[in-house]
Structure formats: C-alpha cells, structure tokens
Amino acid sequence: MKESQNIEWKQSWRDEYLKWICGFANAQGGTLIIGKNDRGEVLGLANAAKLMEDIPNKVRDVLGMVVPVNIHNEGGKEWLEIIVEPYPSPISYKGEYHYRSGSTKQELKGAALDKFLLQKQGRRWDGVPVPGFGVNDCSFAAFKLFKAKAAKSGRMSEEVLQDDNDQLLDNLQLKDGRYLKKAATLLFFDQPEKFVGGAYIKIGFFVTDDDLRYQDEIHGNVFEQVEKTLEILYFKYLKAYIRYEGIQRVEEFLFPRLALREALLNAVVHKDYSSGIPIQISVYDDKIVMWSPGQLPQDWTIERLLGKHPSAPYNPLLANAFFRAGYIESWGRGIEKINRECKEYGIAPPLYDYSMSGLMLTFIANPEHVNAALREHASNQHRGDTPQKKLVKTPVKTPVKTPEKILRLLAAKPSMTLNEVAAEIQKSLSAVERASSKLVKEGRMKYVGPQKGGHWEVLEEYDE
C-alpha cells in the first residue's frame, strides 16, 4: 500500500491529525495510518492500545463523527488504521473546514468554502437566492430575446412563452419562494455585476504576450454578452484572408464562427462565477486564446472531457435557460462540435489546458491563411481605411433590401446592437450578421470605439 490521495502515513499520533480526518470526510474518504514513516515502513507504536480508545473519542467530541480504528501487528510492531468514510454533510474542525485534494490537505476559505458548503447541501452557486432582486428589476429586452429564441428552438411550449415574466422565471426554476436565484441576475438583468463580481467578458488584441494594443469589455446580461462578443470579434478583431472558387474571390476569417461560438457558450455556461474573474479572450494574428475560470466535474480529467461524456454543467440553471433558448444542446457534445468545425475549416482542433485555475482553449490558425490575411490587411492599409462616401438615392416605391434597412437604421441609431437591429427590421440575427459583415467589408459602415460606449458609423449619406 502506497501513500496516495486516499492514504496518509504518520509516524505517531498528534491531535492536529484530526484535521486530516476532517479533510478525508469532506472529500472522498480515506485511510490515516499511524505508526508508519513516509516510505511505508512500520515503526510501531508503544501506546497503540490506549490510542485505540482515545482517537475515536476525540474524533467524536471534536468532529462530531464516528470512525473505526483498527490495530495491526507486523513483525512484533503495532500500528493503527483509521478508516474515514466520506460524509454527506460538511465536517468542521473547531470551525475550520479542511479538504483532502490530491495528496495534500487544505483549509477551505472564502469562495472555495462557499462552494463546498453549497455542494454539501445539494445546491449549486447559480441556485442561491438573491434578496433585493425581483422580476421588476429584470430587463424587458432580455425577456423578449429569450422568448424569441425559445420559440424558434421549439424547446418551450407556446403556452409557457405567453405567460407573464414572473411565471416564466418560475418555469425556468429561477425562483426560490419570493426570491429570484443568482442565475436570474445573469440571464435577465442588464447589470449582473451589481450582484456577481466579474460577470463580463474581456477581449484584447496582442502582438506578443506582453504587447496589448487595444481591448474591450462586454457587459450586460449573458445572452447579450454572447451576441456582442461574437459581433465585436468578427467586426473589430479578426482578420480575413482571400481564396478563390474558380474565378470568384471569397473572403474568409481565420477561425470558424461556429467553433468560436460553441467555445464561448461553453465558457459562459460552465464558468465559476464565484471567482469574481471575467472570461478573457486574447486575440493574436495567428491564434485566439479563450480562458474561463472554473473546474472540471469531480474526478474528471482532460482526457475524459475530450472523449464521449455526459452533460455535466457547472451551472445547471444557466445551462437550462441557454438550452431552452436553443443556444446549446444538453448532451455534452460541445467539444465534439468544436473539433468537427475546426477540421472542416482546415485548422487543427484547439489545445485544451486545465492547469491555470480554469479551462483554456487555444485556436491556432492555418499558417497559409495567416500569411494571406496579413497580406490583405497590409494591402487595405496601403489603400487607406476610409472609403469614399457616396450618395445613395432610394425611390419610394422600390422595396428596401436588408442591407439598406440596416444602414438606414444604424445611421439613425448608431448605438444599436445587431440583435436589436434584427428585431427592429424583423429579420433573423444570422441574416443581419451576414449582411452587416458584407457592409463592413465593402466599406459602407464600420464599428467605432470600445464595445461599451462604442457605436456604428455609416459611411454613406441618404436623402430622406
């Protein structure tokens, strides 16, 4: 028998080892052996018989639990075996909560302690009630967006979607008596940071790891954060390269939109929001690094995450709302979809790293595409960034096409998001995104400034 996550050897007994018993009970259980050194060699105990009586009493009096203590004899030397079962309720040592992680014991404090206590109570962070936050504090636009998405996905009945917002929150299990839960502050409140620190997304463009050229922060409810983040990534941060289909010239971005969208959704849904740290996206000329604070499910490894696995969302209420709205599936196939999209796009699957208090995905572009994109970017810079303005006249009787509707609307309301534009002109978001991307490439409009407080600039004039 070797020392491991579930086994600890001690040469002699000291009362402070009650902390180790506490740590085993709060984790997956384990065995504490008294009378062996770190190499597993039996040293023996002179007072083994007395310790057999004292240790169970001390465990009961200090920790409030019962453990069996067994005596063994090897070569005339006695040693003790203390078997600790995992306890369903939290165990404290004089007000301290200890936890066995790997082959070490640690005292839980702060957010880690809050998370542990919630899990022991069968609850998750996103299910904690929030006093002082009610349905009247929620965003009407967020409800409108959710209902439109859920109706399109077909994952909620029309009858439920016609209920008032209070009943909708109840149907999504976001109510706890007269309180709303933390998940509701993220999903349906425009300023979730009022209740949840770090509940936003940061994007930065880096030339090297220590050379940050510009950055943006994306705030708002998490539905809006996802939409805005993808919007600003493709309109401000990502370069495109040129390829040809026969004689047709085609512009393509370096990374597949569906893969980045899936990775972003995974980051938002599985994030550990108790960390107080925002999701961070670092964009380079040849790669994108996406990092989100969080943990893998207990006993999971990167290998298991990358293989076939069940859905185990870190924030189940958040995941349920995103599923109902059609953003995600509930079968744990997100990574499979990311890898498939990358393969079809001609780039390698992203690299996964779980060594820095969260999950990091690194998408690396095809080097040939990078070189083509840099040449195209340099060519555009040489030609100048500001295209010539041109006068466009639209006869009254001519039907206005989607691109013209977008231009007219953004000329009047430059701060609108594409999601709001889609709702206003009654087109799908994907149709508006495609048309807007083409308008930007044609130099007919551009996005100016940071995501929060920035605006669209239409580079054409209209006769009203």
Protein backbone atom coordinates (compact mmCIF):
# COMPACT_ATOMS: atom_id res chain seq x y z
CA MET A 1 0.00 0.00 0.00
CA LYS A 2 1.37 3.39 -1.05
CA GLU A 3 0.61 6.89 0.21
CA SER A 4 -1.89 8.49 -2.16
CA GLN A 5 -4.93 10.75 -2.36
CA ASN A 6 -6.83 8.40 -0.05
CA ILE A 7 -4.00 7.20 2.18
CA GLU A 8 -1.82 9.18 4.62
CA TRP A 9 1.01 7.77 6.80
CA LYS A 10 2.08 9.29 10.13
CA GLN A 11 4.82 8.03 12.43
CA SER A 12 2.97 8.86 15.67
CA TRP A 13 -0.34 10.38 16.74
CA ARG A 14 -0.86 14.10 17.30
CA ASP A 15 -4.23 15.73 17.91
CA GLU A 16 -3.73 18.03 14.94
CA TYR A 17 -4.22 14.97 12.73
CA LEU A 18 -7.91 15.40 13.41
CA LYS A 19 -7.64 17.95 10.57
CA TRP A 20 -6.61 15.13 8.20
CA ILE A 21 -9.60 13.07 9.28
CA CYS A 22 -11.79 16.14 8.70
CA GLY A 23 -10.25 16.56 5.23
CA PHE A 24 -10.92 12.93 4.28
CA ALA A 25 -14.53 13.14 5.50
CA ASN A 26 -15.18 16.28 3.45
CA ALA A 27 -13.68 14.74 0.29
CA GLN A 28 -13.88 11.14 -0.93
CA GLY A 29 -12.91 9.48 2.32
CA GLY A 30 -9.57 7.82 3.06
CA THR A 31 -7.34 5.98 5.48
CA LEU A 32 -4.99 7.52 8.05
CA ILE A 33 -2.27 5.13 9.17
CA ILE A 34 -0.42 5.81 12.43
CA GLY A 35 2.90 4.05 13.04
CA LYS A 36 4.50 4.13 9.57
CA ASN A 37 7.01 6.55 8.05
CA ASP A 38 6.77 8.26 4.63
CA ARG A 39 8.26 5.19 2.95
CA GLY A 40 5.55 2.94 4.42
CA GLU A 41 7.95 1.22 6.82
CA VAL A 42 6.39 0.07 10.12
CA LEU A 43 7.94 1.89 13.09
CA GLY A 44 5.45 0.69 15.67
CA LEU A 45 3.54 2.44 18.48
CA ALA A 46 4.26 1.96 22.16
CA ASN A 47 0.78 3.16 23.15
CA ALA A 48 -1.31 1.60 20.39
CA ALA A 49 -3.89 0.08 22.75
CA LYS A 50 -4.55 3.40 24.52
CA LEU A 51 -4.77 5.28 21.21
CA MET A 52 -7.43 2.81 20.07
CA GLU A 53 -9.63 4.18 22.83
CA ASP A 54 -8.58 7.84 22.74
CA ILE A 55 -8.77 8.54 19.00
CA PRO A 56 -12.43 7.53 18.43
CA ASN A 57 -13.45 9.65 21.44
CA LYS A 58 -11.54 12.70 20.19
CA VAL A 59 -12.98 12.32 16.68
CA ARG A 60 -16.49 12.13 18.15
CA ASP A 61 -16.04 15.08 20.54
CA VAL A 62 -14.21 17.46 18.13
CA LEU A 63 -15.56 16.46 14.71
CA GLY A 64 -18.95 15.02 15.66
CA MET A 65 -18.44 11.83 13.68
CA VAL A 66 -17.58 8.18 14.26
CA VAL A 67 -14.62 6.36 12.71
CA PRO A 68 -13.42 2.76 13.13
CA VAL A 69 -9.86 2.36 14.40
CA ASN A 70 -8.14 -0.99 13.72
CA ILE A 71 -4.90 -2.29 15.25
CA HIS A 72 -2.40 -4.29 13.21
CA ASN A 73 0.76 -6.17 14.20
CA GLU A 74 3.64 -6.60 11.78
CA GLY A 75 6.89 -8.16 12.91
CA GLY A 76 6.01 -7.51 16.54
CA LYS A 77 5.33 -3.81 15.85
CA GLU A 78 1.82 -2.40 16.24
CA TRP A 79 0.27 0.28 14.02
CA LEU A 80 -3.22 1.77 13.69
CA GLU A 81 -5.54 2.14 10.74
CA ILE A 82 -8.20 4.89 10.90
CA ILE A 83 -10.82 4.43 8.19
CA VAL A 84 -12.74 7.57 7.25
CA GLU A 85 -15.89 7.44 5.14
CA PRO A 86 -16.97 10.46 3.03
CA TYR A 87 -19.65 12.37 4.92
CA PRO A 88 -22.76 13.77 3.19
CA SER A 89 -22.77 16.82 5.48
CA PRO A 90 -19.85 19.24 5.98
CA ILE A 91 -17.46 18.40 8.83
CA SER A 92 -15.59 21.15 10.66
CA TYR A 93 -12.54 21.07 12.94
CA LYS A 94 -13.11 23.78 15.57
CA GLY A 95 -14.83 25.99 12.98
CA GLU A 96 -12.32 25.22 10.21
CA TYR A 97 -13.23 23.24 7.11
CA HIS A 98 -10.48 21.04 5.73
CA TYR A 99 -10.47 19.12 2.46
CA ARG A 100 -8.26 16.40 1.01
CA SER A 101 -7.20 17.33 -2.53
CA GLY A 102 -4.70 15.07 -4.28
CA SER A 103 -2.13 14.07 -1.66
CA THR A 104 -2.42 17.29 0.34
CA LYS A 105 -4.82 18.75 2.88
CA GLN A 106 -6.05 22.31 2.54
CA GLU A 107 -8.24 24.58 4.62
CA LEU A 108 -11.21 25.93 2.67
CA LYS A 109 -11.85 29.67 2.88
CA GLY A 110 -13.77 32.35 1.02
CA ALA A 111 -15.36 31.39 -2.29
CA ALA A 112 -13.96 27.83 -2.09
CA LEU A 113 -15.68 27.34 1.26
CA ASP A 114 -18.97 28.80 -0.01
CA LYS A 115 -18.88 26.44 -2.98
CA PHE A 116 -18.10 23.43 -0.78
CA LEU A 117 -20.94 24.18 1.65
CA LEU A 118 -23.41 24.61 -1.21
CA GLN A 119 -22.40 21.30 -2.76
CA LYS A 120 -22.77 19.50 0.56
CA GLN A 121 -26.30 20.92 0.76
CA GLY A 122 -27.07 19.62 -2.74
CA ARG A 123 -27.15 23.13 -4.20
CA ARG A 124 -25.19 24.98 -6.85
CA TRP A 125 -23.94 28.54 -6.94
CA ASP A 126 -26.44 29.60 -9.60
CA GLY A 127 -29.33 28.34 -7.44
CA VAL A 128 -28.65 30.61 -4.44
CA PRO A 129 -31.50 33.10 -3.77
CA VAL A 130 -30.71 36.82 -4.05
CA PRO A 131 -32.56 39.19 -1.67
CA GLY A 132 -33.35 42.61 -3.12
CA PHE A 133 -33.70 41.43 -6.71
CA GLY A 134 -37.11 40.88 -8.29
CA VAL A 135 -38.83 40.46 -11.61
CA ASN A 136 -39.32 44.23 -11.93
CA ASP A 137 -35.52 44.65 -11.92
CA CYS A 138 -35.16 42.37 -14.94
CA SER A 139 -34.66 43.60 -18.49
CA PHE A 140 -37.69 43.58 -20.79
CA ALA A 141 -35.33 43.29 -23.78
CA ALA A 142 -33.71 40.18 -22.26
CA PHE A 143 -37.11 38.53 -21.80
CA LYS A 144 -38.06 39.46 -25.37
CA LEU A 145 -34.82 37.99 -26.76
CA PHE A 146 -35.18 34.79 -24.72
CA LYS A 147 -38.80 34.23 -25.76
CA ALA A 148 -37.97 34.78 -29.43
CA LYS A 149 -35.06 32.34 -29.27
CA ALA A 150 -37.04 29.76 -27.27
CA ALA A 151 -39.97 29.95 -29.68
CA LYS A 152 -37.64 29.37 -32.62
CA SER A 153 -35.89 26.44 -30.89
CA GLY A 154 -39.21 24.76 -30.07
CA ARG A 155 -37.92 23.77 -26.64
CA MET A 156 -40.64 25.61 -24.74
CA SER A 157 -44.34 25.47 -25.47
CA GLU A 158 -46.18 28.47 -26.85
CA GLU A 159 -48.45 28.46 -23.79
CA VAL A 160 -45.48 28.83 -21.43
CA LEU A 161 -43.92 31.58 -23.53
CA GLN A 162 -47.19 33.51 -23.43
CA ASP A 163 -47.14 33.56 -19.60
CA ASP A 164 -46.03 36.71 -17.81
CA ASN A 165 -42.35 37.15 -16.98
CA ASP A 166 -42.79 36.15 -13.34
CA GLN A 167 -44.32 32.81 -14.36
CA LEU A 168 -41.60 32.32 -16.98
CA LEU A 169 -38.92 32.67 -14.28
CA ASP A 170 -40.79 30.08 -12.21
CA ASN A 171 -40.95 27.69 -15.17
CA LEU A 172 -37.19 28.07 -15.63
CA GLN A 173 -36.72 27.17 -11.92
CA LEU A 174 -35.22 30.59 -11.26
CA LYS A 175 -37.39 31.36 -8.22
CA ASP A 176 -36.89 30.32 -4.61
CA GLY A 177 -40.01 31.34 -2.76
CA ARG A 178 -40.24 35.11 -3.02
CA TYR A 179 -36.64 35.45 -4.17
CA LEU A 180 -35.02 35.06 -7.57
CA LYS A 181 -31.85 32.98 -7.89
CA LYS A 182 -28.38 34.13 -8.91
CA ALA A 183 -28.78 32.61 -12.38
CA ALA A 184 -31.62 35.11 -12.99
CA THR A 185 -29.27 38.06 -12.32
CA LEU A 186 -27.02 36.80 -15.11
CA LEU A 187 -29.75 35.89 -17.59
CA PHE A 188 -32.27 38.71 -17.25
CA PHE A 189 -30.52 41.70 -15.64
CA ASP A 190 -28.56 44.28 -17.62
CA GLN A 191 -26.06 44.90 -14.79
CA PRO A 192 -25.27 41.46 -13.35
CA GLU A 193 -22.04 42.81 -11.84
CA LYS A 194 -24.18 44.53 -9.22
CA PHE A 195 -24.72 41.06 -7.75
CA VAL A 196 -21.91 38.99 -9.32
CA GLY A 197 -18.37 40.35 -9.48
CA GLY A 198 -16.52 39.80 -12.75
CA ALA A 199 -19.67 38.86 -14.69
CA TYR A 200 -18.42 40.22 -18.01
CA ILE A 201 -16.05 39.34 -20.88
CA LYS A 202 -12.70 40.94 -21.76
CA ILE A 203 -11.20 40.91 -25.25
CA GLY A 204 -7.72 42.13 -26.09
CA PHE A 205 -5.58 42.18 -29.22
CA PHE A 206 -1.97 41.18 -28.56
CA VAL A 207 1.04 41.44 -30.83
CA THR A 208 3.05 39.47 -28.25
CA ASP A 209 2.06 38.21 -24.79
CA ASP A 210 3.23 41.48 -23.21
CA ASP A 211 2.20 43.86 -26.01
CA LEU A 212 -1.51 44.64 -25.73
CA ARG A 213 -2.62 47.03 -28.48
CA TYR A 214 -6.31 47.52 -27.71
CA GLN A 215 -9.07 45.93 -25.66
CA ASP A 216 -12.80 45.89 -24.96
CA GLU A 217 -15.12 44.84 -22.16
CA ILE A 218 -18.52 43.33 -22.92
CA HIS A 219 -21.17 43.88 -20.26
CA GLY A 220 -24.90 43.22 -19.97
CA ASN A 221 -26.90 40.04 -19.44
CA VAL A 222 -25.14 36.85 -20.54
CA PHE A 223 -27.32 36.40 -23.65
CA GLU A 224 -26.28 39.87 -24.77
CA GLN A 225 -22.64 39.20 -23.85
CA VAL A 226 -22.52 36.20 -26.17
CA GLU A 227 -24.09 38.10 -29.08
CA LYS A 228 -21.95 41.22 -28.61
CA THR A 229 -18.72 39.28 -28.13
CA LEU A 230 -19.12 37.42 -31.42
CA GLU A 231 -20.13 40.65 -33.12
CA ILE A 232 -17.10 42.62 -31.99
CA LEU A 233 -14.69 39.71 -32.59
CA TYR A 234 -15.63 39.49 -36.25
CA PHE A 235 -16.05 43.21 -36.89
CA LYS A 236 -13.04 44.54 -35.00
CA TYR A 237 -10.52 41.84 -34.04
CA LEU A 238 -10.33 39.02 -36.58
CA LYS A 239 -8.61 39.28 -39.94
CA ALA A 240 -9.85 37.64 -43.12
CA TYR A 241 -7.91 36.02 -45.94
CA ILE A 242 -8.70 35.67 -49.63
CA ARG A 243 -9.29 32.42 -51.51
CA TYR A 244 -10.79 31.70 -54.90
CA GLU A 245 -13.54 29.35 -56.02
CA GLY A 246 -12.86 29.26 -59.74
CA ILE A 247 -12.75 32.94 -60.67
CA GLN A 248 -14.85 34.03 -57.67
CA ARG A 249 -12.98 35.89 -54.94
CA VAL A 250 -14.04 34.77 -51.44
CA GLU A 251 -13.10 36.40 -48.12
CA GLU A 252 -12.93 34.10 -45.11
CA PHE A 253 -11.95 34.61 -41.49
CA LEU A 254 -9.11 32.63 -39.94
CA PHE A 255 -11.35 30.78 -37.49
CA PRO A 256 -14.74 29.06 -37.90
CA ARG A 257 -17.51 31.13 -36.37
CA LEU A 258 -19.47 28.11 -35.14
CA ALA A 259 -16.44 26.74 -33.27
CA LEU A 260 -15.74 30.07 -31.56
CA ARG A 261 -19.44 30.43 -30.75
CA GLU A 262 -19.55 26.97 -29.15
CA ALA A 263 -16.37 27.64 -27.16
CA LEU A 264 -17.75 30.96 -25.94
CA LEU A 265 -21.06 29.39 -24.91
CA ASN A 266 -19.20 26.66 -23.01
CA ALA A 267 -17.13 29.33 -21.24
CA VAL A 268 -20.23 31.30 -20.21
CA VAL A 269 -22.30 28.30 -19.08
CA HIS A 270 -19.52 26.46 -17.21
CA LYS A 271 -17.77 29.48 -15.69
CA ASP A 272 -17.19 29.61 -11.93
CA TYR A 273 -18.90 32.95 -11.31
CA SER A 274 -17.93 32.91 -7.63
CA SER A 275 -14.32 33.57 -8.71
CA GLY A 276 -15.08 37.22 -9.49
CA ILE A 277 -12.89 36.98 -12.62
CA PRO A 278 -14.17 37.76 -16.15
CA ILE A 279 -13.86 35.45 -19.13
CA GLN A 280 -10.77 36.52 -21.08
CA ILE A 281 -10.23 36.30 -24.85
CA SER A 282 -6.76 37.10 -26.21
CA VAL A 283 -6.57 37.60 -29.97
CA TYR A 284 -3.29 37.39 -31.88
CA ASP A 285 -2.51 37.48 -35.59
CA ASP A 286 -2.36 33.69 -35.69
CA LYS A 287 -4.33 32.41 -32.71
CA ILE A 288 -7.15 33.03 -30.22
CA VAL A 289 -6.82 32.09 -26.56
CA MET A 290 -10.07 31.80 -24.59
CA TRP A 291 -9.90 31.31 -20.80
CA SER A 292 -12.69 30.90 -18.28
CA PRO A 293 -12.32 30.32 -14.52
CA GLY A 294 -13.89 27.06 -13.43
CA GLN A 295 -13.48 23.42 -12.56
CA LEU A 296 -13.99 20.09 -14.21
CA PRO A 297 -16.60 17.83 -12.59
CA GLN A 298 -15.22 15.79 -9.70
CA ASP A 299 -12.81 13.04 -10.79
CA TRP A 300 -12.86 14.25 -14.43
CA THR A 301 -9.68 14.70 -16.46
CA ILE A 302 -8.94 16.49 -19.72
CA GLU A 303 -8.87 13.09 -21.41
CA ARG A 304 -12.41 12.34 -20.25
CA LEU A 305 -13.55 15.83 -21.25
CA LEU A 306 -12.24 15.31 -24.78
CA GLY A 307 -13.87 11.89 -25.10
CA LYS A 308 -17.51 10.84 -25.10
CA HIS A 309 -19.05 12.17 -21.89
CA PRO A 310 -22.44 13.08 -20.43
CA SER A 311 -23.56 16.66 -19.96
CA ALA A 312 -22.50 17.91 -16.52
CA PRO A 313 -22.97 21.70 -16.48
CA TYR A 314 -21.26 23.62 -13.71
CA ASN A 315 -24.27 25.98 -13.60
CA PRO A 316 -27.31 23.78 -14.38
CA LEU A 317 -29.90 26.58 -14.18
CA LEU A 318 -27.86 28.75 -16.53
CA ALA A 319 -27.38 25.79 -18.87
CA ASN A 320 -31.11 25.04 -18.86
CA ALA A 321 -32.00 28.58 -19.94
CA PHE A 322 -29.40 28.51 -22.73
CA PHE A 323 -30.70 25.11 -23.83
CA ARG A 324 -34.34 26.30 -23.91
CA ALA A 325 -33.25 29.31 -25.97
CA GLY A 326 -31.54 27.00 -28.48
CA TYR A 327 -28.01 28.19 -27.81
CA ILE A 328 -26.65 24.85 -26.62
CA GLU A 329 -27.52 21.16 -26.58
CA SER A 330 -27.88 19.06 -23.43
CA TRP A 331 -25.80 16.06 -24.47
CA GLY A 332 -22.27 17.19 -23.68
CA ARG A 333 -21.31 17.41 -27.38
CA GLY A 334 -19.84 20.92 -27.34
CA ILE A 335 -16.21 19.89 -27.68
CA GLU A 336 -17.09 17.36 -30.36
CA LYS A 337 -18.78 20.14 -32.35
CA ILE A 338 -15.80 22.49 -31.89
CA ASN A 339 -13.34 19.89 -33.12
CA ARG A 340 -15.51 18.95 -36.10
CA GLU A 341 -15.92 22.58 -37.19
CA CYS A 342 -12.16 23.15 -36.96
CA LYS A 343 -11.41 20.06 -39.02
CA GLU A 344 -13.88 21.09 -41.72
CA TYR A 345 -12.38 24.60 -41.73
CA GLY A 346 -8.87 23.29 -42.31
CA ILE A 347 -7.35 24.08 -38.90
CA ALA A 348 -6.31 21.82 -36.03
CA PRO A 349 -8.65 21.30 -33.06
CA PRO A 350 -7.96 23.75 -30.22
CA LEU A 351 -5.47 22.96 -27.47
CA TYR A 352 -7.05 22.38 -24.05
CA ASP A 353 -5.24 23.37 -20.85
CA TYR A 354 -6.64 22.99 -17.34
CA SER A 355 -3.53 23.94 -15.35
CA MET A 356 -4.35 27.59 -14.53
CA SER A 357 -7.46 27.60 -12.29
CA GLY A 358 -9.74 27.28 -15.28
CA LEU A 359 -10.08 25.90 -18.79
CA MET A 360 -8.06 27.49 -21.59
CA LEU A 361 -8.72 26.84 -25.28
CA THR A 362 -6.17 27.92 -27.87
CA PHE A 363 -7.27 28.05 -31.52
CA ILE A 364 -4.31 28.15 -33.93
CA ALA A 365 -4.88 29.38 -37.48
CA ASN A 366 -3.64 27.71 -40.65
CA PRO A 367 -0.24 29.40 -41.37
CA GLU A 368 -1.07 29.77 -45.07
CA HIS A 369 -4.30 31.56 -44.21
CA VAL A 370 -2.47 33.82 -41.74
CA ASN A 371 0.04 34.94 -44.36
CA ALA A 372 -2.76 35.62 -46.85
CA ALA A 373 -4.72 37.60 -44.25
CA LEU A 374 -1.69 39.70 -43.33
CA ARG A 375 -1.07 40.49 -46.99
CA GLU A 376 -4.71 41.51 -47.42
CA HIS A 377 -4.56 43.65 -44.26
CA ALA A 378 -1.40 45.39 -45.45
CA SER A 379 -3.00 46.00 -48.85
CA ASN A 380 -6.05 47.57 -47.20
CA GLN A 381 -3.84 49.78 -45.04
CA HIS A 382 -1.96 50.90 -48.14
CA ARG A 383 -5.21 51.81 -49.90
CA GLY A 384 -6.44 53.69 -46.82
CA ASP A 385 -9.06 52.80 -44.21
CA THR A 386 -11.63 55.44 -45.04
CA PRO A 387 -13.58 54.72 -48.22
CA GLN A 388 -15.08 57.43 -50.38
CA LYS A 389 -18.56 58.45 -49.30
CA LYS A 390 -21.19 58.10 -51.97
CA LEU A 391 -24.71 59.37 -52.35
CA VAL A 392 -27.41 56.72 -52.48
CA LYS A 393 -30.96 57.55 -53.52
CA THR A 394 -33.73 55.03 -52.96
CA PRO A 395 -37.03 55.63 -54.81
CA VAL A 396 -40.04 55.48 -52.52
CA LYS A 397 -41.72 52.66 -54.42
CA THR A 398 -38.65 50.42 -54.53
CA PRO A 399 -38.65 47.70 -51.80
CA VAL A 400 -35.84 48.35 -49.33
CA LYS A 401 -33.44 45.43 -49.08
CA THR A 402 -31.96 44.17 -45.80
CA PRO A 403 -28.55 45.90 -46.17
CA GLU A 404 -30.22 49.25 -46.85
CA LYS A 405 -32.54 48.77 -43.87
CA ILE A 406 -29.52 48.12 -41.66
CA LEU A 407 -27.69 51.19 -42.93
CA ARG A 408 -30.71 53.47 -42.50
CA LEU A 409 -31.41 52.17 -39.00
CA LEU A 410 -27.82 52.44 -37.79
CA ALA A 411 -27.47 55.88 -39.34
CA ALA A 412 -30.41 56.97 -37.16
CA LYS A 413 -29.45 54.93 -34.07
CA PRO A 414 -25.66 54.25 -34.12
CA SER A 415 -25.59 52.61 -30.66
CA MET A 416 -27.94 49.75 -31.59
CA THR A 417 -26.68 46.15 -31.44
CA LEU A 418 -27.20 43.81 -34.37
CA ASN A 419 -29.58 41.84 -32.20
CA GLU A 420 -31.73 44.96 -31.76
CA VAL A 421 -31.49 45.68 -35.49
CA ALA A 422 -32.72 42.17 -36.29
CA ALA A 423 -35.73 42.64 -34.00
CA GLU A 424 -36.49 46.07 -35.47
CA ILE A 425 -36.43 45.03 -39.13
CA GLN A 426 -37.95 41.61 -38.38
CA LYS A 427 -35.09 39.57 -39.84
CA SER A 428 -33.13 36.70 -38.28
CA LEU A 429 -29.95 37.61 -36.45
CA SER A 430 -27.89 35.42 -38.77
CA ALA A 431 -29.27 37.26 -41.83
CA VAL A 432 -28.44 40.63 -40.25
CA GLU A 433 -24.95 39.42 -39.28
CA ARG A 434 -24.23 38.26 -42.83
CA ALA A 435 -25.48 41.48 -44.35
CA SER A 436 -23.60 43.61 -41.80
CA SER A 437 -20.36 41.71 -42.34
CA LYS A 438 -20.64 42.34 -46.07
CA LEU A 439 -21.37 46.03 -45.48
CA VAL A 440 -18.25 46.35 -43.32
CA LYS A 441 -16.10 44.58 -45.91
CA GLU A 442 -17.49 46.88 -48.61
CA GLY A 443 -16.55 49.89 -46.52
CA ARG A 444 -20.14 51.11 -46.21
CA MET A 445 -20.09 51.14 -42.40
CA LYS A 446 -17.74 50.39 -39.52
CA TYR A 447 -17.74 50.00 -35.74
CA VAL A 448 -16.01 52.76 -33.79
CA GLY A 449 -14.72 52.73 -30.21
CA PRO A 450 -14.95 50.18 -27.39
CA GLN A 451 -17.81 47.70 -27.17
CA LYS A 452 -19.24 49.51 -24.14
CA GLY A 453 -19.92 53.04 -25.33
CA GLY A 454 -18.90 52.43 -28.93
CA HIS A 455 -21.15 52.95 -31.94
CA TRP A 456 -21.67 52.19 -35.60
CA GLU A 457 -20.64 54.73 -38.23
CA VAL A 458 -22.46 54.61 -41.56
CA LEU A 459 -20.21 55.86 -44.33
CA GLU A 460 -22.95 56.81 -46.74
CA GLU A 461 -25.42 59.68 -46.99
CA TYR A 462 -29.14 59.37 -47.62
CA ASP A 463 -31.84 61.67 -48.95
CA GLU A 464 -34.78 61.28 -46.60
